[in-house]
Full PDB file with SEQRES, HELIX, SHEET, SSBOND, CRYST1, ORIGX, SCALE, CONECT and MASTER records, all heavy atoms in Angstrom:
SEQRES   1 A   42  GLY ALA GLU LEU VAL VAL THR GLY GLU ARG TYR ALA ASP          
SEQRES   2 A   42  ALA LEU ALA GLU SER GLU ARG TRP ALA ALA GLN SER GLY          
SEQRES   3 A   42  ALA LEU ALA VAL HIS ALA TYR ASP HIS GLU GLU THR LEU          
SEQRES   4 A   42  LEU GLY GLN                                                  
HELIX    1 AA1 TYR A   11  SER A   25  1                                  15    
HELIX    2 AA2 GLU A   36  GLY A   41  1                                   6    
CRYST1    1.000    1.000    1.000  90.00  90.00  90.00 P 1           1          
ORIGX1      1.000000  0.000000  0.000000        0.00000                         
ORIGX2      0.000000  1.000000  0.000000        0.00000                         
ORIGX3      0.000000  0.000000  1.000000        0.00000                         
SCALE1      1.000000  0.000000  0.000000        0.00000                         
SCALE2      0.000000  1.000000  0.000000        0.00000                         
SCALE3      0.000000  0.000000  1.000000        0.00000                         
ATOM      1  N   GLY A   1     149.634 108.207 -13.536  1.00  0.00           N  
ATOM      2  CA  GLY A   1     150.118 107.828 -12.222  1.00  0.00           C  
ATOM      3  C   GLY A   1     151.536 107.310 -12.155  1.00  0.00           C  
ATOM      4  O   GLY A   1     151.987 106.863 -11.090  1.00  0.00           O  
ATOM      5  N   ALA A   2     152.285 107.369 -13.245  1.00  0.00           N  
ATOM      6  CA  ALA A   2     153.669 106.899 -13.226  1.00  0.00           C  
ATOM      7  C   ALA A   2     154.582 107.947 -12.609  1.00  0.00           C  
ATOM      8  O   ALA A   2     154.288 109.150 -12.625  1.00  0.00           O  
ATOM      9  CB  ALA A   2     154.140 106.590 -14.642  1.00  0.00           C  
ATOM     10  N   GLU A   3     155.691 107.485 -12.069  1.00  0.00           N  
ATOM     11  CA  GLU A   3     156.735 108.394 -11.603  1.00  0.00           C  
ATOM     12  C   GLU A   3     157.542 108.831 -12.814  1.00  0.00           C  
ATOM     13  O   GLU A   3     158.018 108.004 -13.591  1.00  0.00           O  
ATOM     14  CB  GLU A   3     157.631 107.694 -10.595  1.00  0.00           C  
ATOM     15  CG  GLU A   3     158.730 108.596 -10.029  1.00  0.00           C  
ATOM     16  CD  GLU A   3     159.599 107.900  -9.012  1.00  0.00           C  
ATOM     17  OE1 GLU A   3     159.281 106.743  -8.648  1.00  0.00           O  
ATOM     18  OE2 GLU A   3     160.610 108.502  -8.601  1.00  0.00           O  
ATOM     19  N   LEU A   4     157.696 110.117 -12.987  1.00  0.00           N  
ATOM     20  CA  LEU A   4     158.353 110.659 -14.179  1.00  0.00           C  
ATOM     21  C   LEU A   4     159.708 111.219 -13.818  1.00  0.00           C  
ATOM     22  O   LEU A   4     159.855 111.962 -12.843  1.00  0.00           O  
ATOM     23  CB  LEU A   4     157.491 111.756 -14.807  1.00  0.00           C  
ATOM     24  CG  LEU A   4     158.070 112.407 -16.064  1.00  0.00           C  
ATOM     25  CD1 LEU A   4     157.936 111.464 -17.251  1.00  0.00           C  
ATOM     26  CD2 LEU A   4     157.371 113.725 -16.354  1.00  0.00           C  
ATOM     27  N   VAL A   5     160.724 110.893 -14.640  1.00  0.00           N  
ATOM     28  CA  VAL A   5     162.059 111.438 -14.481  1.00  0.00           C  
ATOM     29  C   VAL A   5     162.473 112.050 -15.816  1.00  0.00           C  
ATOM     30  O   VAL A   5     162.537 111.348 -16.833  1.00  0.00           O  
ATOM     31  CB  VAL A   5     163.078 110.353 -14.073  1.00  0.00           C  
ATOM     32  CG1 VAL A   5     164.472 110.977 -13.911  1.00  0.00           C  
ATOM     33  CG2 VAL A   5     162.641 109.657 -12.798  1.00  0.00           C  
ATOM     34  N   VAL A   6     162.731 113.347 -15.840  1.00  0.00           N  
ATOM     35  CA  VAL A   6     163.192 114.032 -17.049  1.00  0.00           C  
ATOM     36  C   VAL A   6     164.700 114.153 -16.969  1.00  0.00           C  
ATOM     37  O   VAL A   6     165.234 114.753 -16.027  1.00  0.00           O  
ATOM     38  CB  VAL A   6     162.540 115.430 -17.186  1.00  0.00           C  
ATOM     39  CG1 VAL A   6     163.028 116.107 -18.464  1.00  0.00           C  
ATOM     40  CG2 VAL A   6     161.021 115.315 -17.188  1.00  0.00           C  
ATOM     41  N   THR A   7     165.397 113.577 -17.952  1.00  0.00           N  
ATOM     42  CA  THR A   7     166.859 113.537 -17.882  1.00  0.00           C  
ATOM     43  C   THR A   7     167.464 113.472 -19.269  1.00  0.00           C  
ATOM     44  O   THR A   7     166.977 112.752 -20.139  1.00  0.00           O  
ATOM     45  CB  THR A   7     167.327 112.326 -17.058  1.00  0.00           C  
ATOM     46  OG1 THR A   7     168.755 112.305 -16.998  1.00  0.00           O  
ATOM     47  CG2 THR A   7     166.847 111.016 -17.650  1.00  0.00           C  
ATOM     48  N   GLY A   8     168.524 114.237 -19.507  1.00  0.00           N  
ATOM     49  CA  GLY A   8     169.246 114.177 -20.765  1.00  0.00           C  
ATOM     50  C   GLY A   8     168.528 114.892 -21.897  1.00  0.00           C  
ATOM     51  O   GLY A   8     167.352 115.240 -21.808  1.00  0.00           O  
ATOM     52  N   GLU A   9     169.258 115.077 -22.983  1.00  0.00           N  
ATOM     53  CA  GLU A   9     168.718 115.809 -24.115  1.00  0.00           C  
ATOM     54  C   GLU A   9     167.973 114.922 -25.107  1.00  0.00           C  
ATOM     55  O   GLU A   9     167.089 115.388 -25.815  1.00  0.00           O  
ATOM     56  CB  GLU A   9     169.844 116.553 -24.849  1.00  0.00           C  
ATOM     57  CG  GLU A   9     170.507 117.648 -24.017  1.00  0.00           C  
ATOM     58  CD  GLU A   9     171.558 118.397 -24.794  1.00  0.00           C  
ATOM     59  OE1 GLU A   9     171.812 118.031 -25.968  1.00  0.00           O  
ATOM     60  OE2 GLU A   9     172.121 119.353 -24.253  1.00  0.00           O  
ATOM     61  N   ARG A  10     168.376 113.651 -25.215  1.00  0.00           N  
ATOM     62  CA  ARG A  10     167.808 112.768 -26.225  1.00  0.00           C  
ATOM     63  C   ARG A  10     167.358 111.451 -25.609  1.00  0.00           C  
ATOM     64  O   ARG A  10     167.680 111.139 -24.452  1.00  0.00           O  
ATOM     65  CB  ARG A  10     168.825 112.500 -27.347  1.00  0.00           C  
ATOM     66  CG  ARG A  10     169.231 113.741 -28.125  1.00  0.00           C  
ATOM     67  CD  ARG A  10     168.060 114.311 -28.897  1.00  0.00           C  
ATOM     68  NE  ARG A  10     168.411 115.510 -29.649  1.00  0.00           N  
ATOM     69  CZ  ARG A  10     167.531 116.325 -30.211  1.00  0.00           C  
ATOM     70  NH1 ARG A  10     166.236 116.069 -30.072  1.00  0.00           N  
ATOM     71  NH2 ARG A  10     167.914 117.381 -30.889  1.00  0.00           N  
ATOM     72  N   TYR A  11     166.639 110.678 -26.414  1.00  0.00           N  
ATOM     73  CA  TYR A  11     166.135 109.385 -25.954  1.00  0.00           C  
ATOM     74  C   TYR A  11     167.250 108.505 -25.419  1.00  0.00           C  
ATOM     75  O   TYR A  11     167.081 107.836 -24.379  1.00  0.00           O  
ATOM     76  CB  TYR A  11     165.409 108.679 -27.102  1.00  0.00           C  
ATOM     77  CG  TYR A  11     165.154 107.220 -26.814  1.00  0.00           C  
ATOM     78  CD1 TYR A  11     164.133 106.837 -25.953  1.00  0.00           C  
ATOM     79  CD2 TYR A  11     165.946 106.226 -27.384  1.00  0.00           C  
ATOM     80  CE1 TYR A  11     163.897 105.498 -25.668  1.00  0.00           C  
ATOM     81  CE2 TYR A  11     165.723 104.895 -27.107  1.00  0.00           C  
ATOM     82  CZ  TYR A  11     164.701 104.526 -26.247  1.00  0.00           C  
ATOM     83  OH  TYR A  11     164.487 103.207 -25.964  1.00  0.00           O  
ATOM     84  N   ALA A  12     168.396 108.478 -26.083  1.00  0.00           N  
ATOM     85  CA  ALA A  12     169.494 107.604 -25.655  1.00  0.00           C  
ATOM     86  C   ALA A  12     169.947 107.926 -24.231  1.00  0.00           C  
ATOM     87  O   ALA A  12     170.336 107.023 -23.480  1.00  0.00           O  
ATOM     88  CB  ALA A  12     170.661 107.713 -26.629  1.00  0.00           C  
ATOM     89  N   ASP A  13     169.888 109.191 -23.858  1.00  0.00           N  
ATOM     90  CA  ASP A  13     170.263 109.587 -22.494  1.00  0.00           C  
ATOM     91  C   ASP A  13     169.257 109.034 -21.481  1.00  0.00           C  
ATOM     92  O   ASP A  13     169.637 108.505 -20.427  1.00  0.00           O  
ATOM     93  CB  ASP A  13     170.325 111.114 -22.383  1.00  0.00           C  
ATOM     94  CG  ASP A  13     171.270 111.733 -23.398  1.00  0.00           C  
ATOM     95  OD1 ASP A  13     172.366 111.185 -23.591  1.00  0.00           O  
ATOM     96  OD2 ASP A  13     170.899 112.767 -23.994  1.00  0.00           O  
ATOM     97  N   ALA A  14     167.987 109.165 -21.800  1.00  0.00           N  
ATOM     98  CA  ALA A  14     166.954 108.639 -20.908  1.00  0.00           C  
ATOM     99  C   ALA A  14     167.042 107.118 -20.816  1.00  0.00           C  
ATOM    100  O   ALA A  14     166.849 106.534 -19.748  1.00  0.00           O  
ATOM    101  CB  ALA A  14     165.574 109.061 -21.412  1.00  0.00           C  
ATOM    102  N   LEU A  15     167.370 106.459 -21.933  1.00  0.00           N  
ATOM    103  CA  LEU A  15     167.501 105.006 -21.931  1.00  0.00           C  
ATOM    104  C   LEU A  15     168.616 104.556 -20.997  1.00  0.00           C  
ATOM    105  O   LEU A  15     168.444 103.599 -20.218  1.00  0.00           O  
ATOM    106  CB  LEU A  15     167.766 104.501 -23.347  1.00  0.00           C  
ATOM    107  CG  LEU A  15     167.979 102.998 -23.501  1.00  0.00           C  
ATOM    108  CD1 LEU A  15     166.752 102.224 -23.045  1.00  0.00           C  
ATOM    109  CD2 LEU A  15     168.328 102.657 -24.956  1.00  0.00           C  
ATOM    110  N   ALA A  16     169.743 105.234 -21.047  1.00  0.00           N  
ATOM    111  CA  ALA A  16     170.860 104.868 -20.174  1.00  0.00           C  
ATOM    112  C   ALA A  16     170.468 104.991 -18.707  1.00  0.00           C  
ATOM    113  O   ALA A  16     170.803 104.121 -17.893  1.00  0.00           O  
ATOM    114  CB  ALA A  16     172.069 105.747 -20.485  1.00  0.00           C  
ATOM    115  N   GLU A  17     169.761 106.046 -18.356  1.00  0.00           N  
ATOM    116  CA  GLU A  17     169.323 106.219 -16.969  1.00  0.00           C  
ATOM    117  C   GLU A  17     168.307 105.148 -16.573  1.00  0.00           C  
ATOM    118  O   GLU A  17     168.323 104.640 -15.442  1.00  0.00           O  
ATOM    119  CB  GLU A  17     168.727 107.611 -16.784  1.00  0.00           C  
ATOM    120  CG  GLU A  17     169.748 108.739 -16.839  1.00  0.00           C  
ATOM    121  CD  GLU A  17     170.810 108.608 -15.753  1.00  0.00           C  
ATOM    122  OE1 GLU A  17     170.456 108.263 -14.600  1.00  0.00           O  
ATOM    123  OE2 GLU A  17     171.993 108.840 -16.059  1.00  0.00           O  
ATOM    124  N   SER A  18     167.424 104.794 -17.492  1.00  0.00           N  
ATOM    125  CA  SER A  18     166.424 103.769 -17.176  1.00  0.00           C  
ATOM    126  C   SER A  18     167.081 102.413 -16.970  1.00  0.00           C  
ATOM    127  O   SER A  18     166.645 101.628 -16.113  1.00  0.00           O  
ATOM    128  CB  SER A  18     165.381 103.681 -18.296  1.00  0.00           C  
ATOM    129  OG  SER A  18     165.879 103.019 -19.443  1.00  0.00           O  
ATOM    130  N   GLU A  19     168.123 102.127 -17.728  1.00  0.00           N  
ATOM    131  CA  GLU A  19     168.834 100.854 -17.570  1.00  0.00           C  
ATOM    132  C   GLU A  19     169.548 100.792 -16.225  1.00  0.00           C  
ATOM    133  O   GLU A  19     169.590  99.730 -15.577  1.00  0.00           O  
ATOM    134  CB  GLU A  19     169.815 100.668 -18.727  1.00  0.00           C  
ATOM    135  CG  GLU A  19     169.118 100.395 -20.059  1.00  0.00           C  
ATOM    136  CD  GLU A  19     170.068 100.414 -21.239  1.00  0.00           C  
ATOM    137  OE1 GLU A  19     171.182 100.989 -21.100  1.00  0.00           O  
ATOM    138  OE2 GLU A  19     169.698  99.873 -22.296  1.00  0.00           O  
ATOM    139  N   ARG A  20     170.079 101.928 -15.787  1.00  0.00           N  
ATOM    140  CA  ARG A  20     170.713 101.966 -14.468  1.00  0.00           C  
ATOM    141  C   ARG A  20     169.669 101.714 -13.365  1.00  0.00           C  
ATOM    142  O   ARG A  20     169.933 100.982 -12.407  1.00  0.00           O  
ATOM    143  CB  ARG A  20     171.424 103.310 -14.254  1.00  0.00           C  
ATOM    144  CG  ARG A  20     172.809 103.374 -14.901  1.00  0.00           C  
ATOM    145  CD  ARG A  20     173.569 104.603 -14.443  1.00  0.00           C  
ATOM    146  NE  ARG A  20     173.170 105.782 -15.195  1.00  0.00           N  
ATOM    147  CZ  ARG A  20     173.726 106.152 -16.352  1.00  0.00           C  
ATOM    148  NH1 ARG A  20     174.675 105.419 -16.901  1.00  0.00           N  
ATOM    149  NH2 ARG A  20     173.321 107.242 -16.969  1.00  0.00           N  
ATOM    150  N   TRP A  21     168.503 102.323 -13.525  1.00  0.00           N  
ATOM    151  CA  TRP A  21     167.462 102.126 -12.526  1.00  0.00           C  
ATOM    152  C   TRP A  21     166.984 100.670 -12.525  1.00  0.00           C  
ATOM    153  O   TRP A  21     166.750 100.093 -11.458  1.00  0.00           O  
ATOM    154  CB  TRP A  21     166.292 103.063 -12.793  1.00  0.00           C  
ATOM    155  CG  TRP A  21     165.108 102.760 -11.939  1.00  0.00           C  
ATOM    156  CD1 TRP A  21     163.920 102.200 -12.319  1.00  0.00           C  
ATOM    157  CD2 TRP A  21     164.995 102.961 -10.523  1.00  0.00           C  
ATOM    158  NE1 TRP A  21     163.074 102.049 -11.252  1.00  0.00           N  
ATOM    159  CE2 TRP A  21     163.715 102.513 -10.131  1.00  0.00           C  
ATOM    160  CE3 TRP A  21     165.858 103.483  -9.554  1.00  0.00           C  
ATOM    161  CZ2 TRP A  21     163.270 102.564  -8.822  1.00  0.00           C  
ATOM    162  CZ3 TRP A  21     165.419 103.539  -8.241  1.00  0.00           C  
ATOM    163  CH2 TRP A  21     164.134 103.079  -7.887  1.00  0.00           C  
ATOM    164  N   ALA A  22     166.841 100.062 -13.685  1.00  0.00           N  
ATOM    165  CA  ALA A  22     166.411  98.663 -13.752  1.00  0.00           C  
ATOM    166  C   ALA A  22     167.402  97.760 -13.041  1.00  0.00           C  
ATOM    167  O   ALA A  22     167.013  96.861 -12.276  1.00  0.00           O  
ATOM    168  CB  ALA A  22     166.241  98.237 -15.207  1.00  0.00           C  
ATOM    169  N   ALA A  23     168.696  97.997 -13.254  1.00  0.00           N  
ATOM    170  CA  ALA A  23     169.725  97.181 -12.604  1.00  0.00           C  
ATOM    171  C   ALA A  23     169.717  97.384 -11.091  1.00  0.00           C  
ATOM    172  O   ALA A  23     169.920  96.441 -10.319  1.00  0.00           O  
ATOM    173  CB  ALA A  23     171.096  97.530 -13.178  1.00  0.00           C  
ATOM    174  N   GLN A  24     169.455  98.608 -10.661  1.00  0.00           N  
ATOM    175  CA  GLN A  24     169.464  98.929  -9.236  1.00  0.00           C  
ATOM    176  C   GLN A  24     168.221  98.411  -8.520  1.00  0.00           C  
ATOM    177  O   GLN A  24     168.302  97.890  -7.397  1.00  0.00           O  
ATOM    178  CB  GLN A  24     169.560 100.450  -9.068  1.00  0.00           C  
ATOM    179  CG  GLN A  24     169.404 100.946  -7.630  1.00  0.00           C  
ATOM    180  CD  GLN A  24     169.330 102.462  -7.559  1.00  0.00           C  
ATOM    181  OE1 GLN A  24     169.818 103.158  -8.453  1.00  0.00           O  
ATOM    182  NE2 GLN A  24     168.723 102.980  -6.506  1.00  0.00           N  
ATOM    183  N   SER A  25     167.080  98.518  -9.148  1.00  0.00           N  
ATOM    184  CA  SER A  25     165.806  98.244  -8.482  1.00  0.00           C  
ATOM    185  C   SER A  25     165.244  96.859  -8.750  1.00  0.00           C  
ATOM    186  O   SER A  25     164.427  96.355  -7.978  1.00  0.00           O  
ATOM    187  CB  SER A  25     164.764  99.277  -8.932  1.00  0.00           C  
ATOM    188  OG  SER A  25     164.453  99.091 -10.304  1.00  0.00           O  
ATOM    189  N   GLY A  26     165.648  96.254  -9.867  1.00  0.00           N  
ATOM    190  CA  GLY A  26     165.052  94.989 -10.274  1.00  0.00           C  
ATOM    191  C   GLY A  26     163.757  95.138 -11.043  1.00  0.00           C  
ATOM    192  O   GLY A  26     163.069  94.147 -11.325  1.00  0.00           O  
ATOM    193  N   ALA A  27     163.400  96.359 -11.417  1.00  0.00           N  
ATOM    194  CA  ALA A  27     162.176  96.601 -12.176  1.00  0.00           C  
ATOM    195  C   ALA A  27     162.268  95.951 -13.557  1.00  0.00           C  
ATOM    196  O   ALA A  27     163.357  95.797 -14.125  1.00  0.00           O  
ATOM    197  CB  ALA A  27     161.938  98.102 -12.321  1.00  0.00           C  
ATOM    198  N   LEU A  28     161.124  95.580 -14.118  1.00  0.00           N  
ATOM    199  CA  LEU A  28     161.059  95.020 -15.461  1.00  0.00           C  
ATOM    200  C   LEU A  28     161.216  96.137 -16.484  1.00  0.00           C  
ATOM    201  O   LEU A  28     160.408  97.073 -16.518  1.00  0.00           O  
ATOM    202  CB  LEU A  28     159.720  94.306 -15.674  1.00  0.00           C  
ATOM    203  CG  LEU A  28     159.465  93.788 -17.095  1.00  0.00           C  
ATOM    204  CD1 LEU A  28     160.401  92.631 -17.417  1.00  0.00           C  
ATOM    205  CD2 LEU A  28     157.998  93.386 -17.255  1.00  0.00           C  
ATOM    206  N   ALA A  29     162.243  96.041 -17.309  1.00  0.00           N  
ATOM    207  CA  ALA A  29     162.462  97.039 -18.353  1.00  0.00           C  
ATOM    208  C   ALA A  29     161.573  96.722 -19.552  1.00  0.00           C  
ATOM    209  O   ALA A  29     161.539  95.587 -20.039  1.00  0.00           O  
ATOM    210  CB  ALA A  29     163.924  97.063 -18.782  1.00  0.00           C  
ATOM    211  N   VAL A  30     160.850  97.736 -20.018  1.00  0.00           N  
ATOM    212  CA  VAL A  30     159.992  97.593 -21.194  1.00  0.00           C  
ATOM    213  C   VAL A  30     160.555  98.502 -22.278  1.00  0.00           C  
ATOM    214  O   VAL A  30     160.380  99.720 -22.242  1.00  0.00           O  
ATOM    215  CB  VAL A  30     158.538  97.977 -20.871  1.00  0.00           C  
ATOM    216  CG1 VAL A  30     157.652  97.802 -22.103  1.00  0.00           C  
ATOM    217  CG2 VAL A  30     158.007  97.132 -19.712  1.00  0.00           C  
ATOM    218  N   HIS A  31     161.275  97.904 -23.237  1.00  0.00           N  
ATOM    219  CA  HIS A  31     161.964  98.694 -24.249  1.00  0.00           C  
ATOM    220  C   HIS A  31     160.983  99.226 -25.282  1.00  0.00           C  
ATOM    221  O   HIS A  31     160.028  98.553 -25.661  1.00  0.00           O  
ATOM    222  CB  HIS A  31     163.050  97.854 -24.929  1.00  0.00           C  
ATOM    223  CG  HIS A  31     164.092  98.673 -25.618  1.00  0.00           C  
ATOM    224  ND1 HIS A  31     163.872  99.290 -26.836  1.00  0.00           N  
ATOM    225  CD2 HIS A  31     165.363  98.983 -25.260  1.00  0.00           C  
ATOM    226  CE1 HIS A  31     164.965  99.932 -27.197  1.00  0.00           C  
ATOM    227  NE2 HIS A  31     165.884  99.773 -26.263  1.00  0.00           N  
ATOM    228  N   ALA A  32     161.258 100.421 -25.765  1.00  0.00           N  
ATOM    229  CA  ALA A  32     160.353 101.071 -26.715  1.00  0.00           C  
ATOM    230  C   ALA A  32     160.281 100.355 -28.053  1.00  0.00           C  
ATOM    231  O   ALA A  32     159.248 100.407 -28.734  1.00  0.00           O  
ATOM    232  CB  ALA A  32     160.787 102.522 -26.931  1.00  0.00           C  
ATOM    233  N   TYR A  33     161.353  99.682 -28.469  1.00  0.00           N  
ATOM    234  CA  TYR A  33     161.334  99.062 -29.796  1.00  0.00           C  
ATOM    235  C   TYR A  33     162.229  97.841 -29.942  1.00  0.00           C  
ATOM    236  O   TYR A  33     162.085  97.076 -30.889  1.00  0.00           O  
ATOM    237  CB  TYR A  33     161.714 100.083 -30.878  1.00  0.00           C  
ATOM    238  CG  TYR A  33     163.019 100.798 -30.622  1.00  0.00           C  
ATOM    239  CD1 TYR A  33     164.235 100.253 -31.017  1.00  0.00           C  
ATOM    240  CD2 TYR A  33     163.035 102.035 -29.990  1.00  0.00           C  
ATOM    241  CE1 TYR A  33     165.438 100.924 -30.781  1.00  0.00           C  
ATOM    242  CE2 TYR A  33     164.219 102.713 -29.749  1.00  0.00           C  
ATOM    243  CZ  TYR A  33     165.415 102.152 -30.147  1.00  0.00           C  
ATOM    244  OH  TYR A  33     166.596 102.816 -29.897  1.00  0.00           O  
ATOM    245  N   ASP A  34     163.140  97.581 -29.017  1.00  0.00           N  
ATOM    246  CA  ASP A  34     164.125  96.530 -29.230  1.00  0.00           C  
ATOM    247  C   ASP A  34     163.936  95.337 -28.292  1.00  0.00           C  
ATOM    248  O   ASP A  34     164.903  94.748 -27.818  1.00  0.00           O  
ATOM    249  CB  ASP A  34     165.549  97.092 -29.099  1.00  0.00           C  
ATOM    250  CG  ASP A  34     166.558  96.308 -29.929  1.00  0.00           C  
ATOM    251  OD1 ASP A  34     166.133  95.619 -30.872  1.00  0.00           O  
ATOM    252  OD2 ASP A  34     167.771  96.394 -29.642  1.00  0.00           O  
ATOM    253  N   HIS A  35     162.687  94.986 -28.022  1.00  0.00           N  
ATOM    254  CA  HIS A  35     162.332  93.744 -27.346  1.00  0.00           C  
ATOM    255  C   HIS A  35     161.451  92.922 -28.283  1.00  0.00           C  
ATOM    256  O   HIS A  35     160.643  93.482 -29.032  1.00  0.00           O  
ATOM    257  CB  HIS A  35     161.550  94.006 -26.056  1.00  0.00           C  
ATOM    258  CG  HIS A  35     162.426  94.302 -24.877  1.00  0.00           C  
ATOM    259  ND1 HIS A  35     161.903  94.681 -23.649  1.00  0.00           N  
ATOM    260  CD2 HIS A  35     163.772  94.266 -24.718  1.00  0.00           C  
ATOM    261  CE1 HIS A  35     162.903  94.880 -22.794  1.00  0.00           C  
ATOM    262  NE2 HIS A  35     164.032  94.634 -23.428  1.00  0.00           N  
ATOM    263  N   GLU A  36     161.578  91.614 -28.212  1.00  0.00           N  
ATOM    264  CA  GLU A  36     160.766  90.753 -29.066  1.00  0.00           C  
ATOM    265  C   GLU A  36     159.280  90.999 -28.840  1.00  0.00           C  
ATOM    266  O   GLU A  36     158.497  91.093 -29.793  1.00  0.00           O  
ATOM    267  CB  GLU A  36     161.114  89.289 -28.788  1.00  0.00           C  
ATOM    268  CG  GLU A  36     160.386  88.299 -29.673  1.00  0.00           C  
ATOM    269  CD  GLU A  36     160.872  86.885 -29.451  1.00  0.00           C  
ATOM    270  OE1 GLU A  36     162.056  86.613 -29.736  1.00  0.00           O  
ATOM    271  OE2 GLU A  36     160.058  86.055 -28.988  1.00  0.00           O  
ATOM    272  N   GLU A  37     158.878  91.116 -27.566  1.00  0.00           N  
ATOM    273  CA  GLU A  37     157.466  91.331 -27.271  1.00  0.00           C  
ATOM    274  C   GLU A  37     156.966  92.661 -27.843  1.00  0.00           C  
ATOM    275  O   GLU A  37     155.808  92.764 -28.274  1.00  0.00           O  
ATOM    276  CB  GLU A  37     157.214  91.292 -25.757  1.00  0.00           C  
ATOM    277  CG  GLU A  37     157.383  89.926 -25.129  1.00  0.00           C  
ATOM    278  CD  GLU A  37     158.830  89.594 -24.793  1.00  0.00           C  
ATOM    279  OE1 GLU A  37     159.718  90.462 -24.991  1.00  0.00           O  
ATOM    280  OE2 GLU A  37     159.076  88.472 -24.317  1.00  0.00           O  
ATOM    281  N   THR A  38     157.823  93.664 -27.840  1.00  0.00           N  
ATOM    282  CA  THR A  38     157.438  94.951 -28.421  1.00  0.00           C  
ATOM    283  C   THR A  38     157.145  94.797 -29.907  1.00  0.00           C  
ATOM    284  O   THR A  38     156.116  95.269 -30.409  1.00  0.00           O  
ATOM    285  CB  THR A  38     158.548  95.995 -28.199  1.00  0.00           C  
ATOM    286  OG1 THR A  38     158.837  96.101 -26.803  1.00  0.00           O  
ATOM    287  CG2 THR A  38     158.117  97.356 -28.718  1.00  0.00           C  
ATOM    288  N   LEU A  39     158.030  94.132 -30.621  1.00  0.00           N  
ATOM    289  CA  LEU A  39     157.831  93.911 -32.048  1.00  0.00           C  
ATOM    290  C   LEU A  39     156.561  93.104 -32.313  1.00  0.00           C  
ATOM    291  O   LEU A  39     155.810  93.402 -33.246  1.00  0.00           O  
ATOM    292  CB  LEU A  39     159.041  93.191 -32.632  1.00  0.00           C  
ATOM    293  CG  LEU A  39     160.302  94.043 -32.821  1.00  0.00           C  
ATOM    294  CD1 LEU A  39     161.547  93.167 -32.870  1.00  0.00           C  
ATOM    295  CD2 LEU A  39     160.201  94.873 -34.093  1.00  0.00           C  
ATOM    296  N   LEU A  40     156.322  92.089 -31.496  1.00  0.00           N  
ATOM    297  CA  LEU A  40     155.137  91.262 -31.689  1.00  0.00           C  
ATOM    298  C   LEU A  40     153.861  92.068 -31.463  1.00  0.00           C  
ATOM    299  O   LEU A  40     152.887  91.947 -32.216  1.00  0.00           O  
ATOM    300  CB  LEU A  40     155.174  90.064 -30.743  1.00  0.00           C  
ATOM    301  CG  LEU A  40     156.270  89.029 -31.016  1.00  0.00           C  
ATOM    302  CD1 LEU A  40     156.334  88.004 -29.884  1.00  0.00           C  
ATOM    303  CD2 LEU A  40     156.053  88.334 -32.350  1.00  0.00           C  
ATOM    304  N   GLY A  41     153.868  92.897 -30.419  1.00  0.00           N  
ATOM    305  CA  GLY A  41     152.698  93.728 -30.171  1.00  0.00           C  
ATOM    306  C   GLY A  41     152.443  94.711 -31.292  1.00  0.00           C  
ATOM    307  O   GLY A  41     151.309  94.853 -31.777  1.00  0.00           O  
ATOM    308  N   GLN A  42     153.497  95.391 -31.735  1.00  0.00           N  
ATOM    309  CA  GLN A  42     153.321  96.377 -32.815  1.00  0.00           C  
ATOM    310  C   GLN A  42     152.941  95.695 -34.126  1.00  0.00           C  
ATOM    311  O   GLN A  42     152.237  96.282 -34.960  1.00  0.00           O  
ATOM    312  CB  GLN A  42     154.589  97.223 -33.018  1.00  0.00           C  
ATOM    313  CG  GLN A  42     155.341  97.688 -31.801  1.00  0.00           C  
ATOM    314  CD  GLN A  42     154.567  98.380 -30.703  1.00  0.00           C  
ATOM    315  OE1 GLN A  42     153.370  98.137 -30.525  1.00  0.00           O  
ATOM    316  NE2 GLN A  42     155.239  99.215 -29.933  1.00  0.00           N  
TER     317      GLN A  42                                                      
MASTER        0    0    0    2    0    0    0    6  316    1    0    4          
END                                                                             
């Protein structure tokens, strides 16, 4: 049920777009690997 956006050739391209959306919308960014909570969960 998530809204999907396909953009760019690599993960870094998608990350840049997601960061722009987070800044614009105020959504909570959930990083794939570089957040403390992510490391703790894994």
